[in-house]
N, C-alpha and C. Protein backbone atom coordinates (compact mmCIF):
# COMPACT_ATOMS: atom_id res chain seq x y z
N MET A 1 8.58 16.56 -16.97
CA MET A 1 10.01 16.51 -17.22
C MET A 1 10.54 15.17 -16.68
N ARG A 2 11.22 14.46 -17.52
CA ARG A 2 11.79 13.18 -17.12
C ARG A 2 13.09 13.43 -16.36
N SER A 3 13.25 12.75 -15.23
CA SER A 3 14.45 12.95 -14.45
C SER A 3 14.77 11.72 -13.61
N CYS A 4 16.00 11.64 -13.17
CA CYS A 4 16.47 10.55 -12.33
C CYS A 4 15.89 10.72 -10.92
N SER A 5 15.34 9.67 -10.36
CA SER A 5 14.73 9.77 -9.03
C SER A 5 15.79 9.84 -7.94
N HIS A 6 17.03 9.48 -8.25
CA HIS A 6 18.10 9.49 -7.25
C HIS A 6 18.72 10.88 -7.09
N CYS A 7 18.95 11.57 -8.19
CA CYS A 7 19.66 12.86 -8.12
C CYS A 7 18.91 14.01 -8.79
N SER A 8 17.76 13.73 -9.39
CA SER A 8 16.90 14.72 -10.05
C SER A 8 17.50 15.32 -11.32
N THR A 9 18.51 14.69 -11.87
CA THR A 9 19.07 15.14 -13.14
C THR A 9 18.03 14.97 -14.24
N THR A 10 17.84 16.00 -15.04
CA THR A 10 16.92 15.92 -16.17
C THR A 10 17.49 14.96 -17.20
N ILE A 11 16.64 14.05 -17.68
CA ILE A 11 17.05 13.06 -18.67
C ILE A 11 16.47 13.48 -20.02
N ASP A 12 17.32 13.56 -21.01
CA ASP A 12 16.92 13.96 -22.36
C ASP A 12 15.83 13.02 -22.87
N SER A 13 14.76 13.60 -23.38
CA SER A 13 13.63 12.79 -23.85
C SER A 13 13.97 11.94 -25.07
N THR A 14 15.05 12.26 -25.75
CA THR A 14 15.45 11.47 -26.92
C THR A 14 16.34 10.28 -26.54
N LEU A 15 16.77 10.23 -25.28
CA LEU A 15 17.63 9.13 -24.82
C LEU A 15 16.82 7.85 -24.73
N SER A 16 17.30 6.82 -25.38
CA SER A 16 16.65 5.51 -25.30
C SER A 16 17.12 4.83 -24.02
N ILE A 17 16.17 4.44 -23.17
CA ILE A 17 16.51 3.82 -21.88
C ILE A 17 16.47 2.31 -22.03
N GLY A 18 17.64 1.70 -21.96
CA GLY A 18 17.76 0.24 -22.01
C GLY A 18 17.94 -0.31 -20.62
N TYR A 19 18.06 -1.62 -20.50
CA TYR A 19 18.19 -2.25 -19.20
C TYR A 19 19.46 -1.84 -18.47
N ALA A 20 20.50 -1.49 -19.18
CA ALA A 20 21.78 -1.16 -18.56
C ALA A 20 22.10 0.34 -18.59
N THR A 21 21.13 1.18 -18.96
CA THR A 21 21.37 2.61 -19.04
C THR A 21 21.50 3.21 -17.65
N LEU A 22 22.58 3.97 -17.45
CA LEU A 22 22.84 4.61 -16.16
C LEU A 22 22.64 6.11 -16.26
N CYS A 23 22.31 6.72 -15.15
CA CYS A 23 22.18 8.18 -15.09
C CYS A 23 23.55 8.79 -15.37
N PRO A 24 23.62 9.79 -16.23
CA PRO A 24 24.91 10.40 -16.56
C PRO A 24 25.53 11.15 -15.38
N THR A 25 24.76 11.48 -14.36
CA THR A 25 25.29 12.22 -13.22
C THR A 25 25.65 11.33 -12.04
N CYS A 26 24.73 10.48 -11.59
CA CYS A 26 24.97 9.69 -10.38
C CYS A 26 25.29 8.22 -10.66
N SER A 27 25.20 7.80 -11.91
CA SER A 27 25.50 6.42 -12.34
C SER A 27 24.57 5.36 -11.75
N GLU A 28 23.39 5.78 -11.28
CA GLU A 28 22.38 4.81 -10.83
C GLU A 28 21.61 4.33 -12.05
N PRO A 29 21.08 3.08 -12.01
CA PRO A 29 20.33 2.57 -13.15
C PRO A 29 19.05 3.36 -13.40
N LEU A 30 18.80 3.72 -14.63
CA LEU A 30 17.58 4.44 -14.98
C LEU A 30 16.40 3.50 -15.18
N HIS A 31 16.68 2.27 -15.64
CA HIS A 31 15.61 1.28 -15.88
C HIS A 31 15.32 0.55 -14.57
N SER A 32 14.73 1.26 -13.61
CA SER A 32 14.40 0.70 -12.31
C SER A 32 13.01 1.16 -11.91
N CYS A 33 12.42 0.47 -10.97
CA CYS A 33 11.05 0.80 -10.56
C CYS A 33 10.91 2.25 -10.10
N VAL A 34 11.86 2.73 -9.30
CA VAL A 34 11.73 4.08 -8.76
C VAL A 34 11.78 5.16 -9.84
N ASN A 35 12.28 4.83 -11.01
CA ASN A 35 12.32 5.78 -12.12
C ASN A 35 11.16 5.62 -13.09
N CYS A 36 10.31 4.65 -12.86
CA CYS A 36 9.22 4.35 -13.78
C CYS A 36 7.98 5.20 -13.48
N ARG A 37 7.30 5.61 -14.52
CA ARG A 37 6.08 6.41 -14.33
C ARG A 37 4.96 5.60 -13.68
N PHE A 38 5.06 4.28 -13.71
CA PHE A 38 4.04 3.42 -13.11
C PHE A 38 4.35 3.03 -11.67
N TYR A 39 5.50 3.46 -11.13
CA TYR A 39 5.86 3.14 -9.76
C TYR A 39 4.83 3.76 -8.82
N SER A 40 4.19 2.92 -8.02
CA SER A 40 3.11 3.37 -7.15
C SER A 40 3.17 2.60 -5.83
N PRO A 41 3.98 3.08 -4.88
CA PRO A 41 4.08 2.38 -3.60
C PRO A 41 2.71 2.17 -2.96
N GLY A 42 2.48 0.96 -2.50
CA GLY A 42 1.20 0.61 -1.90
C GLY A 42 0.28 -0.15 -2.85
N SER A 43 0.52 -0.01 -4.15
CA SER A 43 -0.25 -0.78 -5.13
C SER A 43 0.29 -2.21 -5.17
N TYR A 44 -0.44 -3.09 -5.85
CA TYR A 44 0.02 -4.47 -6.02
C TYR A 44 1.39 -4.47 -6.67
N HIS A 45 2.37 -5.04 -6.04
CA HIS A 45 3.77 -5.05 -6.48
C HIS A 45 4.33 -3.63 -6.64
N ASP A 46 3.71 -2.66 -5.98
CA ASP A 46 4.12 -1.25 -6.04
C ASP A 46 4.11 -0.71 -7.47
N CYS A 47 3.17 -1.18 -8.26
CA CYS A 47 3.12 -0.78 -9.67
C CYS A 47 1.67 -0.51 -10.10
N ALA A 48 1.47 0.58 -10.83
CA ALA A 48 0.14 0.93 -11.33
C ALA A 48 -0.25 0.05 -12.52
N GLU A 49 0.72 -0.58 -13.16
CA GLU A 49 0.45 -1.53 -14.23
C GLU A 49 0.17 -2.89 -13.59
N HIS A 50 -0.41 -3.78 -14.33
CA HIS A 50 -0.72 -5.11 -13.80
C HIS A 50 0.43 -6.06 -14.12
N VAL A 51 1.54 -5.88 -13.42
CA VAL A 51 2.71 -6.75 -13.63
C VAL A 51 2.57 -7.99 -12.76
N GLU A 52 3.04 -9.10 -13.25
CA GLU A 52 2.93 -10.37 -12.53
C GLU A 52 4.15 -10.66 -11.68
N GLU A 53 5.32 -10.22 -12.12
CA GLU A 53 6.55 -10.55 -11.42
C GLU A 53 6.87 -9.49 -10.36
N PHE A 54 7.13 -9.94 -9.13
CA PHE A 54 7.50 -9.03 -8.05
C PHE A 54 8.98 -8.70 -8.15
N ILE A 55 9.31 -7.42 -8.06
CA ILE A 55 10.70 -6.97 -8.08
C ILE A 55 11.00 -6.46 -6.67
N SER A 56 11.89 -7.14 -5.97
CA SER A 56 12.11 -6.82 -4.56
C SER A 56 12.90 -5.52 -4.36
N ASP A 57 13.94 -5.29 -5.14
CA ASP A 57 14.74 -4.08 -4.99
C ASP A 57 14.33 -3.08 -6.06
N LYS A 58 13.56 -2.09 -5.68
CA LYS A 58 12.99 -1.12 -6.62
C LYS A 58 14.03 -0.15 -7.16
N ASN A 59 15.23 -0.10 -6.56
CA ASN A 59 16.30 0.80 -7.01
C ASN A 59 17.23 0.17 -8.04
N LYS A 60 17.23 -1.15 -8.14
CA LYS A 60 18.13 -1.84 -9.07
C LYS A 60 17.52 -1.93 -10.46
N ALA A 61 18.39 -2.06 -11.45
CA ALA A 61 17.94 -2.23 -12.84
C ALA A 61 17.13 -3.53 -12.93
N ASN A 62 16.11 -3.53 -13.78
CA ASN A 62 15.29 -4.72 -13.97
C ASN A 62 14.87 -4.84 -15.43
N TYR A 63 14.21 -5.94 -15.73
CA TYR A 63 13.81 -6.23 -17.11
C TYR A 63 12.31 -6.10 -17.33
N CYS A 64 11.65 -5.25 -16.57
CA CYS A 64 10.21 -5.08 -16.70
C CYS A 64 9.85 -4.49 -18.07
N ASP A 65 8.93 -5.14 -18.77
CA ASP A 65 8.52 -4.67 -20.09
C ASP A 65 7.59 -3.46 -20.03
N SER A 66 7.02 -3.19 -18.86
CA SER A 66 6.11 -2.05 -18.71
C SER A 66 6.83 -0.74 -18.42
N PHE A 67 8.15 -0.78 -18.26
CA PHE A 67 8.91 0.40 -17.86
C PHE A 67 8.77 1.56 -18.85
N VAL A 68 8.48 2.74 -18.28
CA VAL A 68 8.47 4.00 -19.01
C VAL A 68 9.09 5.03 -18.05
N LEU A 69 10.15 5.68 -18.47
CA LEU A 69 10.79 6.67 -17.59
C LEU A 69 9.80 7.76 -17.27
N GLY A 70 9.62 8.00 -15.99
CA GLY A 70 8.63 8.97 -15.56
C GLY A 70 9.23 10.27 -15.07
N CYS A 71 8.38 11.10 -14.56
CA CYS A 71 8.81 12.37 -13.97
C CYS A 71 9.44 12.10 -12.62
N ASN A 72 10.16 13.07 -12.13
CA ASN A 72 10.80 12.93 -10.83
C ASN A 72 9.74 12.72 -9.76
N HIS A 73 9.85 11.60 -9.04
CA HIS A 73 8.92 11.31 -7.96
C HIS A 73 9.34 12.09 -6.73
N PRO A 74 8.39 12.47 -5.88
CA PRO A 74 8.76 13.17 -4.66
C PRO A 74 9.63 12.28 -3.79
N THR A 75 10.67 12.84 -3.26
CA THR A 75 11.56 12.09 -2.39
C THR A 75 10.98 12.05 -0.99
N LYS A 76 11.53 11.19 -0.16
CA LYS A 76 11.08 11.12 1.23
C LYS A 76 11.30 12.46 1.91
N LYS A 77 12.41 13.12 1.61
CA LYS A 77 12.69 14.42 2.21
C LYS A 77 11.60 15.43 1.83
N ALA A 78 11.23 15.45 0.57
CA ALA A 78 10.18 16.37 0.11
C ALA A 78 8.85 16.03 0.77
N SER A 79 8.55 14.76 0.94
CA SER A 79 7.31 14.34 1.60
C SER A 79 7.32 14.77 3.06
N ASP A 80 8.45 14.60 3.72
CA ASP A 80 8.56 15.00 5.13
C ASP A 80 8.38 16.50 5.28
N GLU A 81 8.97 17.28 4.38
CA GLU A 81 8.83 18.73 4.45
C GLU A 81 7.37 19.16 4.23
N ALA A 82 6.70 18.52 3.29
CA ALA A 82 5.30 18.84 3.03
C ALA A 82 4.44 18.49 4.24
N ARG A 83 4.73 17.35 4.87
CA ARG A 83 3.97 16.94 6.06
C ARG A 83 4.16 17.95 7.19
N LYS A 84 5.40 18.41 7.40
CA LYS A 84 5.68 19.38 8.45
C LYS A 84 4.93 20.70 8.20
N LYS A 85 4.89 21.14 6.96
CA LYS A 85 4.16 22.37 6.62
C LYS A 85 2.67 22.21 6.90
N ALA A 86 2.12 21.05 6.53
CA ALA A 86 0.69 20.81 6.76
C ALA A 86 0.39 20.74 8.25
N GLU A 87 1.25 20.09 9.02
CA GLU A 87 1.05 20.01 10.47
C GLU A 87 1.13 21.39 11.10
N ALA A 88 2.01 22.25 10.61
CA ALA A 88 2.15 23.60 11.15
C ALA A 88 0.88 24.42 10.92
N ILE A 89 0.23 24.18 9.80
CA ILE A 89 -1.01 24.91 9.50
C ILE A 89 -2.12 24.53 10.47
N PHE A 90 -2.21 23.24 10.80
CA PHE A 90 -3.33 22.76 11.60
C PHE A 90 -3.02 22.65 13.10
N SER A 91 -1.81 22.97 13.50
CA SER A 91 -1.50 22.90 14.95
C SER A 91 -1.85 24.24 15.60
N PHE A 92 -2.35 24.16 16.78
CA PHE A 92 -2.75 25.39 17.49
C PHE A 92 -1.83 25.67 18.63
């Protein structure tokens, strides 16, 4: 399911995402690294694609030709909650 990484609003699959397209709910740019299916923190330029240009602000709109709106990425809050659950399992 395609969704905004900022507010988790489901994005209609028929919506064409241009460079200036904003989320209908939170008005954040949809054409940004954090909304891309190739966004991969820790990879070269934080991207699973082989992009040459570094984009410093992953939340701002950009002109990357590799952009494809992806599924909702786990938020830091969700990652923290998962980590706490895992630590609770293994703590004695």
